[in-house]
Amino acid sequence: MKKRNDKSWTFSRQINLSVVVQLILLASLIITSWLNLQRQLDLLQYDVTRLLQTQKEFQDSLQNLSYKMISCEHRICTLENSYAKSDCNK
């Protein structure tokens, strides 16, 4: 038989209760962090969707105002032209 070398490394296969508790706590930390990230991503997605919807509504409002402005400009030009013609006739 060979003599055992006392300076060699040994690996213990025993699992202590503290190791199990630490592994459970680590797993619960990972799971809760994952769930928290998912919740924050859902909130972010809702905020971005709401922002895009608000931007679309604002764009539609600006387009309506643009159409009204063009209409008013056309009416003003028509009134100015009719007023200029009536001044020339006097």
PDB file of N, CA and C in Angstrom:
ATOM      1  N   MET A   1       0.824  -1.187   0.000  1.00  0.00           N
ATOM      2  CA  MET A   1       0.000   0.000   0.000  1.00  0.00           C
ATOM      3  C   MET A   1       0.862   1.242   0.000  1.00  0.00           C
ATOM      4  N   LYS A   2       0.330   2.220  -0.686  1.00  0.00           N
ATOM      5  CA  LYS A   2       1.058   3.485  -0.754  1.00  0.00           C
ATOM      6  C   LYS A   2       0.702   4.332   0.450  1.00  0.00           C
ATOM      7  N   LYS A   3       1.645   5.116   0.852  1.00  0.00           N
ATOM      8  CA  LYS A   3       1.377   6.044   1.944  1.00  0.00           C
ATOM      9  C   LYS A   3       0.578   7.225   1.407  1.00  0.00           C
ATOM     10  N   ARG A   4      -0.294   7.681   2.241  1.00  0.00           N
ATOM     11  CA  ARG A   4      -1.088   8.862   1.861  1.00  0.00           C
ATOM     12  C   ARG A   4      -0.259  10.102   2.037  1.00  0.00           C
ATOM     13  N   ASN A   5      -0.361  11.009   1.055  1.00  0.00           N
ATOM     14  CA  ASN A   5       0.347  12.273   1.157  1.00  0.00           C
ATOM     15  C   ASN A   5      -0.555  13.246   1.912  1.00  0.00           C
ATOM     16  N   ASP A   6      -0.122  13.706   3.053  1.00  0.00           N
ATOM     17  CA  ASP A   6      -0.940  14.592   3.895  1.00  0.00           C
ATOM     18  C   ASP A   6      -1.099  15.984   3.291  1.00  0.00           C
ATOM     19  N   LYS A   7      -0.281  16.316   2.323  1.00  0.00           N
ATOM     20  CA  LYS A   7      -0.344  17.653   1.739  1.00  0.00           C
ATOM     21  C   LYS A   7      -1.319  17.741   0.563  1.00  0.00           C
ATOM     22  N   SER A   8      -1.954  16.675   0.188  1.00  0.00           N
ATOM     23  CA  SER A   8      -2.856  16.724  -0.961  1.00  0.00           C
ATOM     24  C   SER A   8      -4.227  17.292  -0.557  1.00  0.00           C
ATOM     25  N   TRP A   9      -4.916  17.777  -1.550  1.00  0.00           N
ATOM     26  CA  TRP A   9      -6.239  18.362  -1.325  1.00  0.00           C
ATOM     27  C   TRP A   9      -7.276  17.255  -1.230  1.00  0.00           C
ATOM     28  N   THR A  10      -8.265  17.499  -0.404  1.00  0.00           N
ATOM     29  CA  THR A  10      -9.376  16.550  -0.299  1.00  0.00           C
ATOM     30  C   THR A  10     -10.676  17.296  -0.508  1.00  0.00           C
ATOM     31  N   PHE A  11     -11.643  16.587  -1.022  1.00  0.00           N
ATOM     32  CA  PHE A  11     -12.933  17.192  -1.296  1.00  0.00           C
ATOM     33  C   PHE A  11     -13.981  16.447  -0.481  1.00  0.00           C
ATOM     34  N   SER A  12     -14.692  17.196   0.333  1.00  0.00           N
ATOM     35  CA  SER A  12     -15.713  16.585   1.174  1.00  0.00           C
ATOM     36  C   SER A  12     -17.037  16.583   0.427  1.00  0.00           C
ATOM     37  N   ARG A  13     -17.699  15.456   0.396  1.00  0.00           N
ATOM     38  CA  ARG A  13     -18.975  15.349  -0.318  1.00  0.00           C
ATOM     39  C   ARG A  13     -20.158  15.646   0.583  1.00  0.00           C
ATOM     40  N   GLN A  14     -19.925  16.019   1.771  1.00  0.00           N
ATOM     41  CA  GLN A  14     -21.014  16.300   2.701  1.00  0.00           C
ATOM     42  C   GLN A  14     -21.644  17.648   2.372  1.00  0.00           C
ATOM     43  N   ILE A  15     -22.958  17.677   2.510  1.00  0.00           N
ATOM     44  CA  ILE A  15     -23.686  18.933   2.303  1.00  0.00           C
ATOM     45  C   ILE A  15     -24.276  19.337   3.646  1.00  0.00           C
ATOM     46  N   ASN A  16     -23.883  20.502   4.078  1.00  0.00           N
ATOM     47  CA  ASN A  16     -24.390  21.006   5.353  1.00  0.00           C
ATOM     48  C   ASN A  16     -25.744  21.670   5.140  1.00  0.00           C
ATOM     49  N   LEU A  17     -26.477  21.800   6.205  1.00  0.00           N
ATOM     50  CA  LEU A  17     -27.765  22.473   6.162  1.00  0.00           C
ATOM     51  C   LEU A  17     -27.586  23.939   5.753  1.00  0.00           C
ATOM     52  N   SER A  18     -26.504  24.557   6.180  1.00  0.00           N
ATOM     53  CA  SER A  18     -26.264  25.956   5.828  1.00  0.00           C
ATOM     54  C   SER A  18     -26.051  26.119   4.322  1.00  0.00           C
ATOM     55  N   VAL A  19     -25.424  25.144   3.689  1.00  0.00           N
ATOM     56  CA  VAL A  19     -25.221  25.203   2.237  1.00  0.00           C
ATOM     57  C   VAL A  19     -26.565  25.107   1.524  1.00  0.00           C
ATOM     58  N   VAL A  20     -27.432  24.228   2.000  1.00  0.00           N
ATOM     59  CA  VAL A  20     -28.760  24.082   1.398  1.00  0.00           C
ATOM     60  C   VAL A  20     -29.552  25.375   1.564  1.00  0.00           C
ATOM     61  N   VAL A  21     -29.508  25.948   2.758  1.00  0.00           N
ATOM     62  CA  VAL A  21     -30.225  27.205   3.005  1.00  0.00           C
ATOM     63  C   VAL A  21     -29.675  28.312   2.116  1.00  0.00           C
ATOM     64  N   GLN A  22     -28.361  28.378   1.973  1.00  0.00           N
ATOM     65  CA  GLN A  22     -27.758  29.401   1.114  1.00  0.00           C
ATOM     66  C   GLN A  22     -28.160  29.208  -0.338  1.00  0.00           C
ATOM     67  N   LEU A  23     -28.210  27.966  -0.803  1.00  0.00           N
ATOM     68  CA  LEU A  23     -28.635  27.704  -2.187  1.00  0.00           C
ATOM     69  C   LEU A  23     -30.097  28.082  -2.393  1.00  0.00           C
ATOM     70  N   ILE A  24     -30.942  27.781  -1.422  1.00  0.00           N
ATOM     71  CA  ILE A  24     -32.361  28.147  -1.532  1.00  0.00           C
ATOM     72  C   ILE A  24     -32.513  29.664  -1.545  1.00  0.00           C
ATOM     73  N   LEU A  25     -31.790  30.344  -0.684  1.00  0.00           N
ATOM     74  CA  LEU A  25     -31.859  31.809  -0.658  1.00  0.00           C
ATOM     75  C   LEU A  25     -31.347  32.405  -1.962  1.00  0.00           C
ATOM     76  N   LEU A  26     -30.277  31.854  -2.490  1.00  0.00           N
ATOM     77  CA  LEU A  26     -29.738  32.347  -3.761  1.00  0.00           C
ATOM     78  C   LEU A  26     -30.747  32.132  -4.892  1.00  0.00           C
ATOM     79  N   ALA A  27     -31.362  30.960  -4.922  1.00  0.00           N
ATOM     80  CA  ALA A  27     -32.368  30.685  -5.949  1.00  0.00           C
ATOM     81  C   ALA A  27     -33.559  31.617  -5.809  1.00  0.00           C
ATOM     82  N   SER A  28     -34.010  31.879  -4.582  1.00  0.00           N
ATOM     83  CA  SER A  28     -35.146  32.790  -4.395  1.00  0.00           C
ATOM     84  C   SER A  28     -34.775  34.217  -4.779  1.00  0.00           C
ATOM     85  N   LEU A  29     -33.537  34.616  -4.510  1.00  0.00           N
ATOM     86  CA  LEU A  29     -33.084  35.948  -4.938  1.00  0.00           C
ATOM     87  C   LEU A  29     -33.086  36.067  -6.454  1.00  0.00           C
ATOM     88  N   ILE A  30     -32.607  35.049  -7.125  1.00  0.00           N
ATOM     89  CA  ILE A  30     -32.570  35.064  -8.594  1.00  0.00           C
ATOM     90  C   ILE A  30     -33.984  35.122  -9.155  1.00  0.00           C
ATOM     91  N   ILE A  31     -34.883  34.322  -8.595  1.00  0.00           N
ATOM     92  CA  ILE A  31     -36.264  34.295  -9.095  1.00  0.00           C
ATOM     93  C   ILE A  31     -36.963  35.622  -8.849  1.00  0.00           C
ATOM     94  N   THR A  32     -36.814  36.183  -7.643  1.00  0.00           N
ATOM     95  CA  THR A  32     -37.478  37.466  -7.372  1.00  0.00           C
ATOM     96  C   THR A  32     -36.887  38.586  -8.226  1.00  0.00           C
ATOM     97  N   SER A  33     -35.586  38.545  -8.469  1.00  0.00           N
ATOM     98  CA  SER A  33     -34.988  39.562  -9.352  1.00  0.00           C
ATOM     99  C   SER A  33     -35.536  39.434 -10.768  1.00  0.00           C
ATOM    100  N   TRP A  34     -35.668  38.210 -11.251  1.00  0.00           N
ATOM    101  CA  TRP A  34     -36.216  37.968 -12.587  1.00  0.00           C
ATOM    102  C   TRP A  34     -37.655  38.470 -12.672  1.00  0.00           C
ATOM    103  N   LEU A  35     -38.459  38.154 -11.658  1.00  0.00           N
ATOM    104  CA  LEU A  35     -39.860  38.599 -11.655  1.00  0.00           C
ATOM    105  C   LEU A  35     -39.955  40.125 -11.598  1.00  0.00           C
ATOM    106  N   ASN A  36     -39.078  40.749 -10.821  1.00  0.00           N
ATOM    107  CA  ASN A  36     -39.074  42.201 -10.737  1.00  0.00           C
ATOM    108  C   ASN A  36     -38.698  42.819 -12.073  1.00  0.00           C
ATOM    109  N   LEU A  37     -37.719  42.245 -12.758  1.00  0.00           N
ATOM    110  CA  LEU A  37     -37.346  42.745 -14.083  1.00  0.00           C
ATOM    111  C   LEU A  37     -38.486  42.589 -15.080  1.00  0.00           C
ATOM    112  N   GLN A  38     -39.189  41.457 -15.014  1.00  0.00           N
ATOM    113  CA  GLN A  38     -40.328  41.247 -15.910  1.00  0.00           C
ATOM    114  C   GLN A  38     -41.419  42.277 -15.653  1.00  0.00           C
ATOM    115  N   ARG A  39     -41.680  42.564 -14.384  1.00  0.00           N
ATOM    116  CA  ARG A  39     -42.703  43.555 -14.036  1.00  0.00           C
ATOM    117  C   ARG A  39     -42.302  44.942 -14.534  1.00  0.00           C
ATOM    118  N   GLN A  40     -41.033  45.286 -14.363  1.00  0.00           N
ATOM    119  CA  GLN A  40     -40.569  46.591 -14.840  1.00  0.00           C
ATOM    120  C   GLN A  40     -40.624  46.679 -16.357  1.00  0.00           C
ATOM    121  N   LEU A  41     -40.327  45.575 -17.050  1.00  0.00           N
ATOM    122  CA  LEU A  41     -40.431  45.570 -18.515  1.00  0.00           C
ATOM    123  C   LEU A  41     -41.884  45.728 -18.962  1.00  0.00           C
ATOM    124  N   ASP A  42     -42.806  45.109 -18.244  1.00  0.00           N
ATOM    125  CA  ASP A  42     -44.223  45.265 -18.569  1.00  0.00           C
ATOM    126  C   ASP A  42     -44.665  46.709 -18.391  1.00  0.00           C
ATOM    127  N   LEU A  43     -44.223  47.341 -17.298  1.00  0.00           N
ATOM    128  CA  LEU A  43     -44.559  48.750 -17.067  1.00  0.00           C
ATOM    129  C   LEU A  43     -43.959  49.646 -18.145  1.00  0.00           C
ATOM    130  N   LEU A  44     -42.732  49.343 -18.530  1.00  0.00           N
ATOM    131  CA  LEU A  44     -42.081  50.123 -19.578  1.00  0.00           C
ATOM    132  C   LEU A  44     -42.811  49.964 -20.906  1.00  0.00           C
ATOM    133  N   GLN A  45     -43.221  48.752 -21.210  1.00  0.00           N
ATOM    134  CA  GLN A  45     -43.963  48.511 -22.448  1.00  0.00           C
ATOM    135  C   GLN A  45     -45.287  49.271 -22.436  1.00  0.00           C
ATOM    136  N   TYR A  46     -45.973  49.290 -21.300  1.00  0.00           N
ATOM    137  CA  TYR A  46     -47.222  50.047 -21.191  1.00  0.00           C
ATOM    138  C   TYR A  46     -46.963  51.540 -21.395  1.00  0.00           C
ATOM    139  N   ASP A  47     -45.901  52.054 -20.766  1.00  0.00           N
ATOM    140  CA  ASP A  47     -45.583  53.479 -20.898  1.00  0.00           C
ATOM    141  C   ASP A  47     -45.244  53.843 -22.343  1.00  0.00           C
ATOM    142  N   VAL A  48     -44.474  53.017 -23.011  1.00  0.00           N
ATOM    143  CA  VAL A  48     -44.097  53.294 -24.397  1.00  0.00           C
ATOM    144  C   VAL A  48     -45.326  53.232 -25.307  1.00  0.00           C
ATOM    145  N   THR A  49     -46.193  52.252 -25.071  1.00  0.00           N
ATOM    146  CA  THR A  49     -47.422  52.145 -25.865  1.00  0.00           C
ATOM    147  C   THR A  49     -48.298  53.372 -25.666  1.00  0.00           C
ATOM    148  N   ARG A  50     -48.436  53.797 -24.433  1.00  0.00           N
ATOM    149  CA  ARG A  50     -49.246  54.994 -24.126  1.00  0.00           C
ATOM    150  C   ARG A  50     -48.612  56.238 -24.759  1.00  0.00           C
ATOM    151  N   LEU A  51     -47.298  56.343 -24.707  1.00  0.00           N
ATOM    152  CA  LEU A  51     -46.605  57.482 -25.312  1.00  0.00           C
ATOM    153  C   LEU A  51     -46.820  57.519 -26.820  1.00  0.00           C
ATOM    154  N   LEU A  52     -46.729  56.369 -27.481  1.00  0.00           N
ATOM    155  CA  LEU A  52     -46.961  56.320 -28.924  1.00  0.00           C
ATOM    156  C   LEU A  52     -48.394  56.685 -29.273  1.00  0.00           C
ATOM    157  N   GLN A  53     -49.335  56.236 -28.443  1.00  0.00           N
ATOM    158  CA  GLN A  53     -50.739  56.572 -28.684  1.00  0.00           C
ATOM    159  C   GLN A  53     -50.970  58.074 -28.517  1.00  0.00           C
ATOM    160  N   THR A  54     -50.390  58.648 -27.493  1.00  0.00           N
ATOM    161  CA  THR A  54     -50.528  60.092 -27.260  1.00  0.00           C
ATOM    162  C   THR A  54     -49.879  60.884 -28.389  1.00  0.00           C
ATOM    163  N   GLN A  55     -48.730  60.418 -28.863  1.00  0.00           N
ATOM    164  CA  GLN A  55     -48.058  61.084 -29.976  1.00  0.00           C
ATOM    165  C   GLN A  55     -48.925  61.042 -31.233  1.00  0.00           C
ATOM    166  N   LYS A  56     -49.575  59.912 -31.482  1.00  0.00           N
ATOM    167  CA  LYS A  56     -50.454  59.783 -32.646  1.00  0.00           C
ATOM    168  C   LYS A  56     -51.634  60.747 -32.533  1.00  0.00           C
ATOM    169  N   GLU A  57     -52.231  60.830 -31.350  1.00  0.00           N
ATOM    170  CA  GLU A  57     -53.343  61.764 -31.133  1.00  0.00           C
ATOM    171  C   GLU A  57     -52.882  63.208 -31.339  1.00  0.00           C
ATOM    172  N   PHE A  58     -51.703  63.538 -30.834  1.00  0.00           N
ATOM    173  CA  PHE A  58     -51.179  64.888 -30.994  1.00  0.00           C
ATOM    174  C   PHE A  58     -50.911  65.194 -32.462  1.00  0.00           C
ATOM    175  N   GLN A  59     -50.377  64.221 -33.182  1.00  0.00           N
ATOM    176  CA  GLN A  59     -50.118  64.395 -34.612  1.00  0.00           C
ATOM    177  C   GLN A  59     -51.420  64.623 -35.366  1.00  0.00           C
ATOM    178  N   ASP A  60     -52.461  63.883 -35.018  1.00  0.00           N
ATOM    179  CA  ASP A  60     -53.768  64.072 -35.654  1.00  0.00           C
ATOM    180  C   ASP A  60     -54.325  65.462 -35.368  1.00  0.00           C
ATOM    181  N   SER A  61     -54.168  65.923 -34.120  1.00  0.00           N
ATOM    182  CA  SER A  61     -54.625  67.271 -33.762  1.00  0.00           C
ATOM    183  C   SER A  61     -53.883  68.334 -34.559  1.00  0.00           C
ATOM    184  N   LEU A  62     -52.569  68.178 -34.702  1.00  0.00           N
ATOM    185  CA  LEU A  62     -51.790  69.137 -35.485  1.00  0.00           C
ATOM    186  C   LEU A  62     -52.206  69.134 -36.947  1.00  0.00           C
ATOM    187  N   GLN A  63     -52.514  67.965 -37.463  1.00  0.00           N
ATOM    188  CA  GLN A  63     -52.939  67.879 -38.858  1.00  0.00           C
ATOM    189  C   GLN A  63     -54.294  68.576 -39.046  1.00  0.00           C
ATOM    190  N   ASN A  64     -55.206  68.373 -38.086  1.00  0.00           N
ATOM    191  CA  ASN A  64     -56.499  69.060 -38.162  1.00  0.00           C
ATOM    192  C   ASN A  64     -56.324  70.580 -38.090  1.00  0.00           C
ATOM    193  N   LEU A  65     -55.440  71.033 -37.212  1.00  0.00           N
ATOM    194  CA  LEU A  65     -55.173  72.466 -37.122  1.00  0.00           C
ATOM    195  C   LEU A  65     -54.553  72.997 -38.411  1.00  0.00           C
ATOM    196  N   SER A  66     -53.709  72.205 -39.021  1.00  0.00           N
ATOM    197  CA  SER A  66     -53.099  72.619 -40.281  1.00  0.00           C
ATOM    198  C   SER A  66     -54.164  72.784 -41.365  1.00  0.00           C
ATOM    199  N   TYR A  67     -55.103  71.817 -41.444  1.00  0.00           N
ATOM    200  CA  TYR A  67     -56.187  71.921 -42.428  1.00  0.00           C
ATOM    201  C   TYR A  67     -57.054  73.157 -42.164  1.00  0.00           C
ATOM    202  N   LYS A  68     -57.345  73.413 -40.896  1.00  0.00           N
ATOM    203  CA  LYS A  68     -58.152  74.594 -40.547  1.00  0.00           C
ATOM    204  C   LYS A  68     -57.412  75.876 -40.895  1.00  0.00           C
ATOM    205  N   MET A  69     -56.094  75.900 -40.662  1.00  0.00           N
ATOM    206  CA  MET A  69     -55.305  77.094 -40.968  1.00  0.00           C
ATOM    207  C   MET A  69     -55.303  77.359 -42.476  1.00  0.00           C
ATOM    208  N   ILE A  70     -55.136  76.301 -43.261  1.00  0.00           N
ATOM    209  CA  ILE A  70     -55.156  76.469 -44.722  1.00  0.00           C
ATOM    210  C   ILE A  70     -56.513  76.963 -45.172  1.00  0.00           C
ATOM    211  N   SER A  71     -57.570  76.433 -44.580  1.00  0.00           N
ATOM    212  CA  SER A  71     -58.919  76.866 -44.924  1.00  0.00           C
ATOM    213  C   SER A  71     -59.126  78.347 -44.581  1.00  0.00           C
ATOM    214  N   CYS A  72     -58.656  78.730 -43.400  1.00  0.00           N
ATOM    215  CA  CYS A  72     -58.790  80.133 -42.993  1.00  0.00           C
ATOM    216  C   CYS A  72     -57.965  81.058 -43.891  1.00  0.00           C
ATOM    217  N   GLU A  73     -56.769  80.645 -44.261  1.00  0.00           N
ATOM    218  CA  GLU A  73     -55.958  81.446 -45.164  1.00  0.00           C
ATOM    219  C   GLU A  73     -56.647  81.617 -46.513  1.00  0.00           C
ATOM    220  N   HIS A  74     -57.254  80.547 -46.990  1.00  0.00           N
ATOM    221  CA  HIS A  74     -57.966  80.625 -48.265  1.00  0.00           C
ATOM    222  C   HIS A  74     -59.156  81.585 -48.157  1.00  0.00           C
ATOM    223  N   ARG A  75     -59.868  81.508 -47.051  1.00  0.00           N
ATOM    224  CA  ARG A  75     -61.006  82.422 -46.860  1.00  0.00           C
ATOM    225  C   ARG A  75     -60.538  83.872 -46.767  1.00  0.00           C
ATOM    226  N   ILE A  76     -59.418  84.100 -46.076  1.00  0.00           N
ATOM    227  CA  ILE A  76     -58.894  85.464 -45.947  1.00  0.00           C
ATOM    228  C   ILE A  76     -58.465  85.992 -47.308  1.00  0.00           C
ATOM    229  N   CYS A  77     -57.786  85.144 -48.093  1.00  0.00           N
ATOM    230  CA  CYS A  77     -57.372  85.576 -49.430  1.00  0.00           C
ATOM    231  C   CYS A  77     -58.594  85.907 -50.283  1.00  0.00           C
ATOM    232  N   THR A  78     -59.634  85.106 -50.178  1.00  0.00           N
ATOM    233  CA  THR A  78     -60.858  85.358 -50.937  1.00  0.00           C
ATOM    234  C   THR A  78     -61.482  86.683 -50.505  1.00  0.00           C
ATOM    235  N   LEU A  79     -61.549  86.908 -49.208  1.00  0.00           N
ATOM    236  CA  LEU A  79     -62.097  88.179 -48.710  1.00  0.00           C
ATOM    237  C   LEU A  79     -61.245  89.368 -49.148  1.00  0.00           C
ATOM    238  N   GLU A  80     -59.922  89.223 -49.086  1.00  0.00           N
ATOM    239  CA  GLU A  80     -59.043  90.314 -49.512  1.00  0.00           C
ATOM    240  C   GLU A  80     -59.226  90.605 -50.997  1.00  0.00           C
ATOM    241  N   ASN A  81     -59.328  89.537 -51.795  1.00  0.00           N
ATOM    242  CA  ASN A  81     -59.509  89.745 -53.234  1.00  0.00           C
ATOM    243  C   ASN A  81     -60.847  90.410 -53.522  1.00  0.00           C
ATOM    244  N   SER A  82     -61.894  89.979 -52.844  1.00  0.00           N
ATOM    245  CA  SER A  82     -63.205  90.604 -53.073  1.00  0.00           C
ATOM    246  C   SER A  82     -63.205  92.046 -52.563  1.00  0.00           C
ATOM    247  N   TYR A  83     -62.521  92.336 -51.492  1.00  0.00           N
ATOM    248  CA  TYR A  83     -62.452  93.706 -50.988  1.00  0.00           C
ATOM    249  C   TYR A  83     -61.643  94.589 -51.943  1.00  0.00           C
ATOM    250  N   ALA A  84     -60.545  94.012 -52.477  1.00  0.00           N
ATOM    251  CA  ALA A  84     -59.721  94.789 -53.421  1.00  0.00           C
ATOM    252  C   ALA A  84     -60.521  95.075 -54.682  1.00  0.00           C
ATOM    253  N   LYS A  85     -61.332  94.133 -55.158  1.00  0.00           N
ATOM    254  CA  LYS A  85     -62.157  94.358 -56.361  1.00  0.00           C
ATOM    255  C   LYS A  85     -63.234  95.399 -56.091  1.00  0.00           C
ATOM    256  N   SER A  86     -63.796  95.382 -54.884  1.00  0.00           N
ATOM    257  CA  SER A  86     -64.844  96.370 -54.582  1.00  0.00           C
ATOM    258  C   SER A  86     -64.245  97.771 -54.461  1.00  0.00           C
ATOM    259  N   ASP A  87     -63.005  97.876 -54.004  1.00  0.00           N
ATOM    260  CA  ASP A  87     -62.347  99.186 -53.935  1.00  0.00           C
ATOM    261  C   ASP A  87     -62.040  99.713 -55.320  1.00  0.00           C
ATOM    262  N   CYS A  88     -61.676  98.830 -56.240  1.00  0.00           N
ATOM    263  CA  CYS A  88     -61.355  99.247 -57.590  1.00  0.00           C
ATOM    264  C   CYS A  88     -62.632  99.720 -58.320  1.00  0.00           C
ATOM    265  N   ASN A  89     -63.765  99.135 -58.004  1.00  0.00           N
ATOM    266  CA  ASN A  89     -65.012  99.489 -58.651  1.00  0.00           C
ATOM    267  C   ASN A  89     -65.552 100.824 -58.172  1.00  0.00           C
ATOM    268  N   LYS A  90     -65.145 101.294 -57.005  1.00  0.00           N
ATOM    269  CA  LYS A  90     -65.662 102.563 -56.469  1.00  0.00           C
ATOM    270  C   LYS A  90     -65.030 103.744 -57.119  1.00  0.00           C
TER     271      LYS A  90
END
